[in-house]
Amino acid sequence: MDVKVLGSGCANCRNTIALIEQVARYKGVAITLGKVQEMRDIVGYGVMRTPGVVIDGKVVHAGGVPTRERVESWLMA
């Protein structure tokens, strides 16, 4: 599963990355986690509020740190 976190590297972006890593480890889901920090690349995904999360090329979240339950639902799909 390819996961990208879109954002400038702010606290919310770092917290989102940490949460996704924790949930993936807990659930035993293998992910490839990347960061997209260039604004033109972020906007290219259609995301205007960060952090954004893209899973396998599809934007699943934008704006604010997602809940643990939401991250779990992404990784179980």
N, C-alpha and C. Protein backbone atom coordinates (compact mmCIF):
# COMPACT_ATOMS: atom_id res chain seq x y z
N MET A 1 0.85 -1.16 0.00
CA MET A 1 0.00 0.00 0.00
C MET A 1 0.90 1.23 0.00
N ASP A 2 0.67 2.12 -0.96
CA ASP A 2 1.47 3.34 -1.09
C ASP A 2 0.72 4.50 -0.44
N VAL A 3 1.32 5.07 0.60
CA VAL A 3 0.70 6.17 1.35
C VAL A 3 1.59 7.39 1.25
N LYS A 4 0.99 8.52 0.90
CA LYS A 4 1.72 9.78 0.86
C LYS A 4 1.02 10.79 1.77
N VAL A 5 1.81 11.51 2.56
CA VAL A 5 1.29 12.59 3.37
C VAL A 5 1.71 13.89 2.70
N LEU A 6 0.73 14.72 2.39
CA LEU A 6 0.97 15.99 1.70
C LEU A 6 1.00 17.11 2.73
N GLY A 7 2.09 17.88 2.74
CA GLY A 7 2.16 19.00 3.66
C GLY A 7 3.57 19.55 3.76
N SER A 8 3.65 20.70 4.40
CA SER A 8 4.91 21.44 4.46
C SER A 8 5.88 20.91 5.51
N GLY A 9 5.43 20.01 6.35
CA GLY A 9 6.28 19.51 7.43
C GLY A 9 5.89 20.11 8.77
N CYS A 10 4.71 20.69 8.84
CA CYS A 10 4.21 21.30 10.08
C CYS A 10 3.93 20.22 11.13
N ALA A 11 3.58 20.66 12.32
CA ALA A 11 3.28 19.72 13.42
C ALA A 11 2.15 18.76 13.04
N ASN A 12 1.09 19.26 12.40
CA ASN A 12 -0.01 18.38 12.02
C ASN A 12 0.43 17.34 11.00
N CYS A 13 1.33 17.73 10.10
CA CYS A 13 1.84 16.78 9.11
C CYS A 13 2.67 15.70 9.80
N ARG A 14 3.53 16.09 10.70
CA ARG A 14 4.36 15.13 11.44
C ARG A 14 3.48 14.20 12.28
N ASN A 15 2.45 14.75 12.91
CA ASN A 15 1.54 13.93 13.72
C ASN A 15 0.77 12.94 12.85
N THR A 16 0.39 13.36 11.65
CA THR A 16 -0.32 12.47 10.73
C THR A 16 0.58 11.32 10.31
N ILE A 17 1.83 11.62 9.98
CA ILE A 17 2.79 10.58 9.61
C ILE A 17 2.97 9.59 10.75
N ALA A 18 3.17 10.09 11.96
CA ALA A 18 3.36 9.23 13.13
C ALA A 18 2.14 8.35 13.37
N LEU A 19 0.95 8.91 13.24
CA LEU A 19 -0.28 8.14 13.46
C LEU A 19 -0.42 7.04 12.42
N ILE A 20 -0.17 7.34 11.17
CA ILE A 20 -0.26 6.32 10.12
C ILE A 20 0.74 5.21 10.37
N GLU A 21 1.98 5.57 10.74
CA GLU A 21 2.99 4.56 11.05
C GLU A 21 2.55 3.68 12.22
N GLN A 22 2.01 4.28 13.27
CA GLN A 22 1.57 3.52 14.44
C GLN A 22 0.47 2.54 14.09
N VAL A 23 -0.53 3.02 13.37
CA VAL A 23 -1.67 2.17 13.02
C VAL A 23 -1.22 1.04 12.10
N ALA A 24 -0.39 1.33 11.12
CA ALA A 24 0.09 0.29 10.21
C ALA A 24 0.86 -0.78 10.96
N ARG A 25 1.72 -0.34 11.87
CA ARG A 25 2.50 -1.30 12.67
C ARG A 25 1.57 -2.14 13.54
N TYR A 26 0.61 -1.50 14.20
CA TYR A 26 -0.33 -2.20 15.09
C TYR A 26 -1.17 -3.22 14.32
N LYS A 27 -1.61 -2.83 13.12
CA LYS A 27 -2.46 -3.70 12.32
C LYS A 27 -1.67 -4.70 11.48
N GLY A 28 -0.34 -4.54 11.44
CA GLY A 28 0.49 -5.44 10.65
C GLY A 28 0.33 -5.24 9.15
N VAL A 29 0.03 -4.03 8.75
CA VAL A 29 -0.17 -3.69 7.34
C VAL A 29 1.13 -3.11 6.78
N ALA A 30 1.60 -3.69 5.68
CA ALA A 30 2.81 -3.19 5.05
C ALA A 30 2.47 -1.96 4.20
N ILE A 31 3.14 -0.85 4.49
CA ILE A 31 2.93 0.37 3.72
C ILE A 31 4.27 0.94 3.29
N THR A 32 4.22 1.71 2.22
CA THR A 32 5.34 2.55 1.81
C THR A 32 4.88 3.97 2.08
N LEU A 33 5.54 4.66 2.99
CA LEU A 33 5.10 5.99 3.42
C LEU A 33 6.04 7.05 2.86
N GLY A 34 5.47 7.99 2.14
CA GLY A 34 6.25 9.08 1.58
C GLY A 34 5.68 10.43 1.96
N LYS A 35 6.51 11.45 1.78
CA LYS A 35 6.08 12.82 2.07
C LYS A 35 6.14 13.63 0.78
N VAL A 36 5.13 14.47 0.57
CA VAL A 36 5.11 15.39 -0.55
C VAL A 36 5.06 16.78 0.06
N GLN A 37 6.14 17.56 -0.13
CA GLN A 37 6.22 18.87 0.52
C GLN A 37 6.18 20.05 -0.44
N GLU A 38 6.37 19.81 -1.72
CA GLU A 38 6.33 20.90 -2.70
C GLU A 38 4.88 21.33 -2.93
N MET A 39 4.61 22.63 -2.77
CA MET A 39 3.24 23.13 -2.87
C MET A 39 2.62 22.83 -4.23
N ARG A 40 3.38 22.95 -5.30
CA ARG A 40 2.80 22.68 -6.63
C ARG A 40 2.39 21.22 -6.77
N ASP A 41 3.14 20.31 -6.13
CA ASP A 41 2.78 18.89 -6.17
C ASP A 41 1.53 18.63 -5.33
N ILE A 42 1.45 19.29 -4.17
CA ILE A 42 0.28 19.14 -3.30
C ILE A 42 -0.98 19.62 -4.02
N VAL A 43 -0.89 20.81 -4.63
CA VAL A 43 -2.03 21.36 -5.37
C VAL A 43 -2.37 20.48 -6.56
N GLY A 44 -1.36 19.82 -7.12
CA GLY A 44 -1.60 18.89 -8.23
C GLY A 44 -2.53 17.75 -7.86
N TYR A 45 -2.59 17.41 -6.59
CA TYR A 45 -3.53 16.39 -6.11
C TYR A 45 -4.91 16.99 -5.85
N GLY A 46 -5.03 18.33 -5.97
CA GLY A 46 -6.31 18.99 -5.69
C GLY A 46 -6.50 19.30 -4.22
N VAL A 47 -5.44 19.19 -3.43
CA VAL A 47 -5.52 19.44 -1.99
C VAL A 47 -5.16 20.89 -1.70
N MET A 48 -6.06 21.59 -1.03
CA MET A 48 -5.84 22.99 -0.68
C MET A 48 -5.57 23.18 0.81
N ARG A 49 -5.89 22.16 1.62
CA ARG A 49 -5.64 22.22 3.07
C ARG A 49 -4.81 21.02 3.47
N THR A 50 -3.76 21.28 4.24
CA THR A 50 -2.88 20.19 4.65
C THR A 50 -3.07 19.91 6.14
N PRO A 51 -2.67 18.75 6.61
CA PRO A 51 -2.10 17.69 5.81
C PRO A 51 -3.14 16.96 4.97
N GLY A 52 -2.66 16.46 3.86
CA GLY A 52 -3.49 15.62 3.01
C GLY A 52 -2.92 14.21 3.03
N VAL A 53 -3.75 13.24 2.74
CA VAL A 53 -3.31 11.85 2.69
C VAL A 53 -3.78 11.25 1.37
N VAL A 54 -2.85 10.60 0.68
CA VAL A 54 -3.13 9.94 -0.59
C VAL A 54 -2.76 8.47 -0.42
N ILE A 55 -3.70 7.59 -0.74
CA ILE A 55 -3.44 6.15 -0.66
C ILE A 55 -3.65 5.55 -2.04
N ASP A 56 -2.59 4.92 -2.52
CA ASP A 56 -2.60 4.30 -3.85
C ASP A 56 -3.14 5.27 -4.91
N GLY A 57 -2.69 6.52 -4.84
CA GLY A 57 -3.04 7.53 -5.84
C GLY A 57 -4.35 8.26 -5.62
N LYS A 58 -5.10 7.90 -4.58
CA LYS A 58 -6.41 8.52 -4.33
C LYS A 58 -6.35 9.36 -3.06
N VAL A 59 -6.80 10.62 -3.16
CA VAL A 59 -6.85 11.50 -1.99
C VAL A 59 -7.97 11.00 -1.07
N VAL A 60 -7.60 10.70 0.19
CA VAL A 60 -8.59 10.20 1.14
C VAL A 60 -8.82 11.17 2.29
N HIS A 61 -7.97 12.22 2.39
CA HIS A 61 -8.10 13.15 3.50
C HIS A 61 -7.40 14.46 3.16
N ALA A 62 -7.97 15.56 3.65
CA ALA A 62 -7.32 16.86 3.51
C ALA A 62 -7.75 17.75 4.67
N GLY A 63 -6.78 18.37 5.33
CA GLY A 63 -7.06 19.34 6.38
C GLY A 63 -7.17 18.74 7.76
N GLY A 64 -6.17 18.97 8.60
CA GLY A 64 -6.20 18.49 9.98
C GLY A 64 -5.72 17.06 10.12
N VAL A 65 -5.40 16.71 11.35
CA VAL A 65 -4.94 15.35 11.64
C VAL A 65 -6.16 14.42 11.64
N PRO A 66 -6.10 13.34 10.86
CA PRO A 66 -7.24 12.41 10.85
C PRO A 66 -7.33 11.66 12.18
N THR A 67 -8.52 11.14 12.46
CA THR A 67 -8.69 10.34 13.67
C THR A 67 -8.05 8.97 13.47
N ARG A 68 -7.73 8.34 14.57
CA ARG A 68 -7.16 6.99 14.52
C ARG A 68 -8.13 6.03 13.82
N GLU A 69 -9.41 6.16 14.11
CA GLU A 69 -10.42 5.29 13.52
C GLU A 69 -10.44 5.45 12.00
N ARG A 70 -10.29 6.68 11.53
CA ARG A 70 -10.30 6.92 10.09
C ARG A 70 -9.07 6.28 9.44
N VAL A 71 -7.91 6.43 10.07
CA VAL A 71 -6.69 5.81 9.53
C VAL A 71 -6.85 4.30 9.50
N GLU A 72 -7.41 3.73 10.55
CA GLU A 72 -7.64 2.27 10.59
C GLU A 72 -8.53 1.84 9.44
N SER A 73 -9.57 2.62 9.13
CA SER A 73 -10.47 2.26 8.04
C SER A 73 -9.75 2.28 6.69
N TRP A 74 -8.83 3.23 6.50
CA TRP A 74 -8.07 3.27 5.25
C TRP A 74 -7.19 2.04 5.10
N LEU A 75 -6.55 1.66 6.19
CA LEU A 75 -5.58 0.57 6.12
C LEU A 75 -6.23 -0.80 6.09
N MET A 76 -7.51 -0.88 6.41
CA MET A 76 -8.21 -2.16 6.36
C MET A 76 -8.89 -2.40 5.02
N ALA A 77 -8.98 -1.37 4.21
CA ALA A 77 -9.68 -1.48 2.91
C ALA A 77 -8.89 -2.28 1.90
